[in-house]
Amino acid sequence: MVKHMLEIINNALRNNNYYVCLYKNNIYLYNYKDIISFDNSIIMIKFDNFNLKIKGNNMLIKHMQEKELIIFGNIIGVSYE
């Protein structure tokens, strides 16, 4: 079951229409559609087919372009809905 869940997440994160790259203290998002909500502990990002929920502490937007977003902070978890 865990392997199946990891395959689903891996396929979703490697879709050619967008990129989600998680690093130690930041996350890089490419081809997002909108920022749904933002505070220093939870950020919701809209993509075409899902919403990405990022949980953490002291998070802030470090870089923002039309299609690119870099969020910096202590990232605790990432999930999609």
PDB file of N, CA and C in Angstrom:
ATOM      1  N   MET A   1       0.825  -1.196   0.000  1.00  0.00           N
ATOM      2  CA  MET A   1       0.000   0.000   0.000  1.00  0.00           C
ATOM      3  C   MET A   1       0.872   1.264   0.000  1.00  0.00           C
ATOM      4  N   VAL A   2       1.921   1.286   0.824  1.00  0.00           N
ATOM      5  CA  VAL A   2       2.795   2.452   0.877  1.00  0.00           C
ATOM      6  C   VAL A   2       3.475   2.661  -0.477  1.00  0.00           C
ATOM      7  N   LYS A   3       3.920   1.569  -1.106  1.00  0.00           N
ATOM      8  CA  LYS A   3       4.554   1.679  -2.417  1.00  0.00           C
ATOM      9  C   LYS A   3       3.587   2.276  -3.434  1.00  0.00           C
ATOM     10  N   HIS A   4       2.335   1.847  -3.403  1.00  0.00           N
ATOM     11  CA  HIS A   4       1.319   2.366  -4.322  1.00  0.00           C
ATOM     12  C   HIS A   4       1.109   3.866  -4.096  1.00  0.00           C
ATOM     13  N   MET A   5       1.043   4.291  -2.850  1.00  0.00           N
ATOM     14  CA  MET A   5       0.863   5.715  -2.538  1.00  0.00           C
ATOM     15  C   MET A   5       2.053   6.524  -3.032  1.00  0.00           C
ATOM     16  N   LEU A   6       3.260   5.994  -2.862  1.00  0.00           N
ATOM     17  CA  LEU A   6       4.453   6.700  -3.329  1.00  0.00           C
ATOM     18  C   LEU A   6       4.474   6.813  -4.843  1.00  0.00           C
ATOM     19  N   GLU A   7       4.001   5.780  -5.541  1.00  0.00           N
ATOM     20  CA  GLU A   7       3.926   5.840  -6.999  1.00  0.00           C
ATOM     21  C   GLU A   7       2.936   6.909  -7.459  1.00  0.00           C
ATOM     22  N   ILE A   8       1.808   7.021  -6.797  1.00  0.00           N
ATOM     23  CA  ILE A   8       0.813   8.037  -7.136  1.00  0.00           C
ATOM     24  C   ILE A   8       1.395   9.427  -6.938  1.00  0.00           C
ATOM     25  N   ILE A   9       2.043   9.646  -5.806  1.00  0.00           N
ATOM     26  CA  ILE A   9       2.646  10.947  -5.519  1.00  0.00           C
ATOM     27  C   ILE A   9       3.753  11.246  -6.521  1.00  0.00           C
ATOM     28  N   ASN A  10       4.593  10.261  -6.784  1.00  0.00           N
ATOM     29  CA  ASN A  10       5.691  10.445  -7.732  1.00  0.00           C
ATOM     30  C   ASN A  10       5.166  10.800  -9.123  1.00  0.00           C
ATOM     31  N   ASN A  11       4.142  10.104  -9.592  1.00  0.00           N
ATOM     32  CA  ASN A  11       3.564  10.401 -10.907  1.00  0.00           C
ATOM     33  C   ASN A  11       2.960  11.793 -10.944  1.00  0.00           C
ATOM     34  N   ALA A  12       2.300  12.183  -9.881  1.00  0.00           N
ATOM     35  CA  ALA A  12       1.688  13.513  -9.833  1.00  0.00           C
ATOM     36  C   ALA A  12       2.747  14.602  -9.831  1.00  0.00           C
ATOM     37  N   LEU A  13       3.815  14.411  -9.067  1.00  0.00           N
ATOM     38  CA  LEU A  13       4.843  15.438  -8.955  1.00  0.00           C
ATOM     39  C   LEU A  13       5.737  15.523 -10.183  1.00  0.00           C
ATOM     40  N   ARG A  14       5.782  14.491 -10.998  1.00  0.00           N
ATOM     41  CA  ARG A  14       6.645  14.494 -12.184  1.00  0.00           C
ATOM     42  C   ARG A  14       5.868  14.746 -13.480  1.00  0.00           C
ATOM     43  N   ASN A  15       4.636  15.172 -13.372  1.00  0.00           N
ATOM     44  CA  ASN A  15       3.844  15.481 -14.551  1.00  0.00           C
ATOM     45  C   ASN A  15       4.536  16.566 -15.364  1.00  0.00           C
ATOM     46  N   ASN A  16       4.563  16.432 -16.684  1.00  0.00           N
ATOM     47  CA  ASN A  16       5.241  17.399 -17.533  1.00  0.00           C
ATOM     48  C   ASN A  16       4.595  18.776 -17.531  1.00  0.00           C
ATOM     49  N   ASN A  17       3.359  18.875 -17.100  1.00  0.00           N
ATOM     50  CA  ASN A  17       2.673  20.158 -17.095  1.00  0.00           C
ATOM     51  C   ASN A  17       3.082  21.041 -15.926  1.00  0.00           C
ATOM     52  N   TYR A  18       3.722  20.484 -14.932  1.00  0.00           N
ATOM     53  CA  TYR A  18       4.137  21.256 -13.765  1.00  0.00           C
ATOM     54  C   TYR A  18       5.281  20.518 -13.063  1.00  0.00           C
ATOM     55  N   TYR A  19       5.973  21.249 -12.196  1.00  0.00           N
ATOM     56  CA  TYR A  19       7.040  20.663 -11.382  1.00  0.00           C
ATOM     57  C   TYR A  19       6.852  21.091  -9.939  1.00  0.00           C
ATOM     58  N   VAL A  20       7.104  20.177  -9.046  1.00  0.00           N
ATOM     59  CA  VAL A  20       7.145  20.463  -7.619  1.00  0.00           C
ATOM     60  C   VAL A  20       8.435  19.846  -7.110  1.00  0.00           C
ATOM     61  N   CYS A  21       9.369  20.673  -6.687  1.00  0.00           N
ATOM     62  CA  CYS A  21      10.668  20.191  -6.203  1.00  0.00           C
ATOM     63  C   CYS A  21      10.829  20.606  -4.751  1.00  0.00           C
ATOM     64  N   LEU A  22      10.975  19.638  -3.886  1.00  0.00           N
ATOM     65  CA  LEU A  22      11.107  19.891  -2.457  1.00  0.00           C
ATOM     66  C   LEU A  22      12.563  19.762  -2.050  1.00  0.00           C
ATOM     67  N   TYR A  23      13.079  20.796  -1.418  1.00  0.00           N
ATOM     68  CA  TYR A  23      14.447  20.816  -0.915  1.00  0.00           C
ATOM     69  C   TYR A  23      14.401  20.971   0.605  1.00  0.00           C
ATOM     70  N   LYS A  24      15.562  21.076   1.241  1.00  0.00           N
ATOM     71  CA  LYS A  24      15.618  21.116   2.703  1.00  0.00           C
ATOM     72  C   LYS A  24      14.814  22.283   3.290  1.00  0.00           C
ATOM     73  N   ASN A  25      15.050  23.486   2.822  1.00  0.00           N
ATOM     74  CA  ASN A  25      14.376  24.650   3.392  1.00  0.00           C
ATOM     75  C   ASN A  25      13.545  25.436   2.387  1.00  0.00           C
ATOM     76  N   ASN A  26      13.254  24.828   1.220  1.00  0.00           N
ATOM     77  CA  ASN A  26      12.390  25.532   0.284  1.00  0.00           C
ATOM     78  C   ASN A  26      11.719  24.543  -0.660  1.00  0.00           C
ATOM     79  N   ILE A  27      10.734  25.057  -1.360  1.00  0.00           N
ATOM     80  CA  ILE A  27      10.014  24.262  -2.345  1.00  0.00           C
ATOM     81  C   ILE A  27       9.873  25.121  -3.605  1.00  0.00           C
ATOM     82  N   TYR A  28      10.143  24.507  -4.753  1.00  0.00           N
ATOM     83  CA  TYR A  28      10.053  25.179  -6.043  1.00  0.00           C
ATOM     84  C   TYR A  28       8.822  24.657  -6.768  1.00  0.00           C
ATOM     85  N   LEU A  29       7.985  25.560  -7.248  1.00  0.00           N
ATOM     86  CA  LEU A  29       6.764  25.196  -7.969  1.00  0.00           C
ATOM     87  C   LEU A  29       6.802  25.849  -9.341  1.00  0.00           C
ATOM     88  N   TYR A  30       6.505  25.048 -10.372  1.00  0.00           N
ATOM     89  CA  TYR A  30       6.475  25.569 -11.729  1.00  0.00           C
ATOM     90  C   TYR A  30       5.114  25.305 -12.354  1.00  0.00           C
ATOM     91  N   ASN A  31       4.581  26.311 -12.998  1.00  0.00           N
ATOM     92  CA  ASN A  31       3.319  26.253 -13.719  1.00  0.00           C
ATOM     93  C   ASN A  31       2.113  26.132 -12.789  1.00  0.00           C
ATOM     94  N   TYR A  32       2.179  26.805 -11.649  1.00  0.00           N
ATOM     95  CA  TYR A  32       1.024  26.872 -10.760  1.00  0.00           C
ATOM     96  C   TYR A  32       0.014  27.864 -11.333  1.00  0.00           C
ATOM     97  N   LYS A  33      -1.224  27.770 -10.906  1.00  0.00           N
ATOM     98  CA  LYS A  33      -2.266  28.646 -11.436  1.00  0.00           C
ATOM     99  C   LYS A  33      -2.560  29.838 -10.527  1.00  0.00           C
ATOM    100  N   ASP A  34      -2.581  29.592  -9.197  1.00  0.00           N
ATOM    101  CA  ASP A  34      -2.972  30.659  -8.284  1.00  0.00           C
ATOM    102  C   ASP A  34      -2.536  30.320  -6.865  1.00  0.00           C
ATOM    103  N   ILE A  35      -2.359  31.330  -6.052  1.00  0.00           N
ATOM    104  CA  ILE A  35      -2.139  31.147  -4.623  1.00  0.00           C
ATOM    105  C   ILE A  35      -3.497  31.298  -3.964  1.00  0.00           C
ATOM    106  N   ILE A  36      -4.012  30.210  -3.411  1.00  0.00           N
ATOM    107  CA  ILE A  36      -5.344  30.219  -2.805  1.00  0.00           C
ATOM    108  C   ILE A  36      -5.323  30.909  -1.452  1.00  0.00           C
ATOM    109  N   SER A  37      -4.362  30.506  -0.610  1.00  0.00           N
ATOM    110  CA  SER A  37      -4.221  31.133   0.703  1.00  0.00           C
ATOM    111  C   SER A  37      -2.763  31.066   1.121  1.00  0.00           C
ATOM    112  N   PHE A  38      -2.388  32.011   1.969  1.00  0.00           N
ATOM    113  CA  PHE A  38      -0.998  32.097   2.367  1.00  0.00           C
ATOM    114  C   PHE A  38      -0.891  32.678   3.765  1.00  0.00           C
ATOM    115  N   ASP A  39      -0.224  31.981   4.652  1.00  0.00           N
ATOM    116  CA  ASP A  39       0.260  32.547   5.907  1.00  0.00           C
ATOM    117  C   ASP A  39       1.563  31.838   6.234  1.00  0.00           C
ATOM    118  N   ASN A  40       2.176  32.148   7.358  1.00  0.00           N
ATOM    119  CA  ASN A  40       3.506  31.595   7.601  1.00  0.00           C
ATOM    120  C   ASN A  40       3.516  30.134   8.009  1.00  0.00           C
ATOM    121  N   SER A  41       2.325  29.492   8.154  1.00  0.00           N
ATOM    122  CA  SER A  41       2.296  28.074   8.543  1.00  0.00           C
ATOM    123  C   SER A  41       1.585  27.162   7.542  1.00  0.00           C
ATOM    124  N   ILE A  42       0.683  27.684   6.719  1.00  0.00           N
ATOM    125  CA  ILE A  42      -0.010  26.884   5.696  1.00  0.00           C
ATOM    126  C   ILE A  42      -0.164  27.713   4.421  1.00  0.00           C
ATOM    127  N   ILE A  43       0.211  27.093   3.313  1.00  0.00           N
ATOM    128  CA  ILE A  43       0.063  27.740   2.002  1.00  0.00           C
ATOM    129  C   ILE A  43      -0.695  26.778   1.093  1.00  0.00           C
ATOM    130  N   MET A  44      -1.729  27.267   0.424  1.00  0.00           N
ATOM    131  CA  MET A  44      -2.494  26.476  -0.534  1.00  0.00           C
ATOM    132  C   MET A  44      -2.248  27.052  -1.932  1.00  0.00           C
ATOM    133  N   ILE A  45      -1.814  26.171  -2.837  1.00  0.00           N
ATOM    134  CA  ILE A  45      -1.503  26.559  -4.212  1.00  0.00           C
ATOM    135  C   ILE A  45      -2.392  25.776  -5.170  1.00  0.00           C
ATOM    136  N   LYS A  46      -2.988  26.464  -6.138  1.00  0.00           N
ATOM    137  CA  LYS A  46      -3.847  25.814  -7.131  1.00  0.00           C
ATOM    138  C   LYS A  46      -3.042  25.466  -8.377  1.00  0.00           C
ATOM    139  N   PHE A  47      -3.180  24.205  -8.797  1.00  0.00           N
ATOM    140  CA  PHE A  47      -2.669  23.733 -10.082  1.00  0.00           C
ATOM    141  C   PHE A  47      -3.884  23.365 -10.936  1.00  0.00           C
ATOM    142  N   ASP A  48      -3.691  22.906 -12.153  1.00  0.00           N
ATOM    143  CA  ASP A  48      -4.816  22.572 -13.032  1.00  0.00           C
ATOM    144  C   ASP A  48      -5.769  21.557 -12.416  1.00  0.00           C
ATOM    145  N   ASN A  49      -5.242  20.449 -11.913  1.00  0.00           N
ATOM    146  CA  ASN A  49      -6.092  19.334 -11.490  1.00  0.00           C
ATOM    147  C   ASN A  49      -6.117  19.078  -9.994  1.00  0.00           C
ATOM    148  N   PHE A  50      -5.434  19.870  -9.215  1.00  0.00           N
ATOM    149  CA  PHE A  50      -5.373  19.643  -7.771  1.00  0.00           C
ATOM    150  C   PHE A  50      -4.901  20.904  -7.059  1.00  0.00           C
ATOM    151  N   ASN A  51      -5.056  20.893  -5.748  1.00  0.00           N
ATOM    152  CA  ASN A  51      -4.515  21.941  -4.896  1.00  0.00           C
ATOM    153  C   ASN A  51      -3.399  21.346  -4.063  1.00  0.00           C
ATOM    154  N   LEU A  52      -2.324  22.092  -3.902  1.00  0.00           N
ATOM    155  CA  LEU A  52      -1.178  21.650  -3.123  1.00  0.00           C
ATOM    156  C   LEU A  52      -1.203  22.384  -1.788  1.00  0.00           C
ATOM    157  N   LYS A  53      -1.108  21.628  -0.701  1.00  0.00           N
ATOM    158  CA  LYS A  53      -1.105  22.204   0.642  1.00  0.00           C
ATOM    159  C   LYS A  53       0.290  22.027   1.230  1.00  0.00           C
ATOM    160  N   ILE A  54       0.905  23.135   1.612  1.00  0.00           N
ATOM    161  CA  ILE A  54       2.251  23.120   2.172  1.00  0.00           C
ATOM    162  C   ILE A  54       2.151  23.565   3.624  1.00  0.00           C
ATOM    163  N   LYS A  55       2.638  22.715   4.536  1.00  0.00           N
ATOM    164  CA  LYS A  55       2.639  23.042   5.962  1.00  0.00           C
ATOM    165  C   LYS A  55       4.064  23.294   6.408  1.00  0.00           C
ATOM    166  N   GLY A  56       4.237  24.271   7.286  1.00  0.00           N
ATOM    167  CA  GLY A  56       5.564  24.564   7.784  1.00  0.00           C
ATOM    168  C   GLY A  56       5.545  25.687   8.800  1.00  0.00           C
ATOM    169  N   ASN A  57       6.720  26.217   9.077  1.00  0.00           N
ATOM    170  CA  ASN A  57       6.886  27.334  10.009  1.00  0.00           C
ATOM    171  C   ASN A  57       7.704  28.420   9.336  1.00  0.00           C
ATOM    172  N   ASN A  58       7.354  29.655   9.639  1.00  0.00           N
ATOM    173  CA  ASN A  58       8.110  30.815   9.139  1.00  0.00           C
ATOM    174  C   ASN A  58       8.294  30.781   7.624  1.00  0.00           C
ATOM    175  N   MET A  59       7.269  30.392   6.905  1.00  0.00           N
ATOM    176  CA  MET A  59       7.359  30.319   5.449  1.00  0.00           C
ATOM    177  C   MET A  59       7.106  31.691   4.827  1.00  0.00           C
ATOM    178  N   LEU A  60       7.811  31.938   3.745  1.00  0.00           N
ATOM    179  CA  LEU A  60       7.622  33.170   2.999  1.00  0.00           C
ATOM    180  C   LEU A  60       7.917  32.920   1.530  1.00  0.00           C
ATOM    181  N   ILE A  61       7.366  33.775   0.689  1.00  0.00           N
ATOM    182  CA  ILE A  61       7.616  33.658  -0.750  1.00  0.00           C
ATOM    183  C   ILE A  61       8.938  34.343  -1.039  1.00  0.00           C
ATOM    184  N   LYS A  62       9.892  33.552  -1.497  1.00  0.00           N
ATOM    185  CA  LYS A  62      11.229  34.068  -1.777  1.00  0.00           C
ATOM    186  C   LYS A  62      11.345  34.576  -3.213  1.00  0.00           C
ATOM    187  N   HIS A  63      10.609  33.938  -4.124  1.00  0.00           N
ATOM    188  CA  HIS A  63      10.666  34.301  -5.547  1.00  0.00           C
ATOM    189  C   HIS A  63       9.299  34.033  -6.159  1.00  0.00           C
ATOM    190  N   MET A  64       8.805  34.992  -6.955  1.00  0.00           N
ATOM    191  CA  MET A  64       7.514  34.786  -7.591  1.00  0.00           C
ATOM    192  C   MET A  64       7.540  35.394  -8.983  1.00  0.00           C
ATOM    193  N   GLN A  65       7.240  34.556  -9.973  1.00  0.00           N
ATOM    194  CA  GLN A  65       7.086  34.961 -11.361  1.00  0.00           C
ATOM    195  C   GLN A  65       5.702  34.495 -11.805  1.00  0.00           C
ATOM    196  N   GLU A  66       5.382  34.739 -13.060  1.00  0.00           N
ATOM    197  CA  GLU A  66       4.058  34.343 -13.566  1.00  0.00           C
ATOM    198  C   GLU A  66       3.808  32.846 -13.398  1.00  0.00           C
ATOM    199  N   LYS A  67       4.816  32.004 -13.648  1.00  0.00           N
ATOM    200  CA  LYS A  67       4.629  30.556 -13.575  1.00  0.00           C
ATOM    201  C   LYS A  67       5.499  29.892 -12.516  1.00  0.00           C
ATOM    202  N   GLU A  68       6.381  30.632 -11.858  1.00  0.00           N
ATOM    203  CA  GLU A  68       7.315  30.052 -10.907  1.00  0.00           C
ATOM    204  C   GLU A  68       7.125  30.638  -9.516  1.00  0.00           C
ATOM    205  N   LEU A  69       7.338  29.792  -8.539  1.00  0.00           N
ATOM    206  CA  LEU A  69       7.195  30.210  -7.150  1.00  0.00           C
ATOM    207  C   LEU A  69       8.214  29.440  -6.319  1.00  0.00           C
ATOM    208  N   ILE A  70       8.955  30.155  -5.472  1.00  0.00           N
ATOM    209  CA  ILE A  70       9.850  29.512  -4.513  1.00  0.00           C
ATOM    210  C   ILE A  70       9.414  29.947  -3.128  1.00  0.00           C
ATOM    211  N   ILE A  71       9.116  28.973  -2.294  1.00  0.00           N
ATOM    212  CA  ILE A  71       8.695  29.227  -0.921  1.00  0.00           C
ATOM    213  C   ILE A  71       9.823  28.768  -0.010  1.00  0.00           C
ATOM    214  N   PHE A  72      10.238  29.639   0.886  1.00  0.00           N
ATOM    215  CA  PHE A  72      11.339  29.372   1.792  1.00  0.00           C
ATOM    216  C   PHE A  72      10.794  29.253   3.212  1.00  0.00           C
ATOM    217  N   GLY A  73      11.359  28.370   4.009  1.00  0.00           N
ATOM    218  CA  GLY A  73      10.972  28.224   5.412  1.00  0.00           C
ATOM    219  C   GLY A  73      11.195  26.804   5.881  1.00  0.00           C
ATOM    220  N   ASN A  74      10.741  26.526   7.072  1.00  0.00           N
ATOM    221  CA  ASN A  74      10.837  25.182   7.654  1.00  0.00           C
ATOM    222  C   ASN A  74       9.628  24.379   7.176  1.00  0.00           C
ATOM    223  N   ILE A  75       9.763  23.654   6.088  1.00  0.00           N
ATOM    224  CA  ILE A  75       8.664  22.905   5.495  1.00  0.00           C
ATOM    225  C   ILE A  75       8.508  21.581   6.208  1.00  0.00           C
ATOM    226  N   ILE A  76       7.312  21.360   6.759  1.00  0.00           N
ATOM    227  CA  ILE A  76       7.026  20.152   7.534  1.00  0.00           C
ATOM    228  C   ILE A  76       6.355  19.080   6.681  1.00  0.00           C
ATOM    229  N   GLY A  77       5.478  19.497   5.774  1.00  0.00           N
ATOM    230  CA  GLY A  77       4.763  18.514   4.968  1.00  0.00           C
ATOM    231  C   GLY A  77       4.135  19.116   3.737  1.00  0.00           C
ATOM    232  N   VAL A  78       3.929  18.266   2.734  1.00  0.00           N
ATOM    233  CA  VAL A  78       3.291  18.667   1.486  1.00  0.00           C
ATOM    234  C   VAL A  78       2.262  17.599   1.136  1.00  0.00           C
ATOM    235  N   SER A  79       1.049  18.026   0.807  1.00  0.00           N
ATOM    236  CA  SER A  79       0.010  17.079   0.395  1.00  0.00           C
ATOM    237  C   SER A  79      -0.808  17.725  -0.716  1.00  0.00           C
ATOM    238  N   TYR A  80      -1.566  16.893  -1.415  1.00  0.00           N
ATOM    239  CA  TYR A  80      -2.429  17.451  -2.445  1.00  0.00           C
ATOM    240  C   TYR A  80      -3.848  16.965  -2.264  1.00  0.00           C
ATOM    241  N   GLU A  81      -4.775  17.761  -2.751  1.00  0.00           N
ATOM    242  CA  GLU A  81      -6.208  17.473  -2.609  1.00  0.00           C
ATOM    243  C   GLU A  81      -6.864  17.536  -3.975  1.00  0.00           C
TER     244      GLU A  81
END
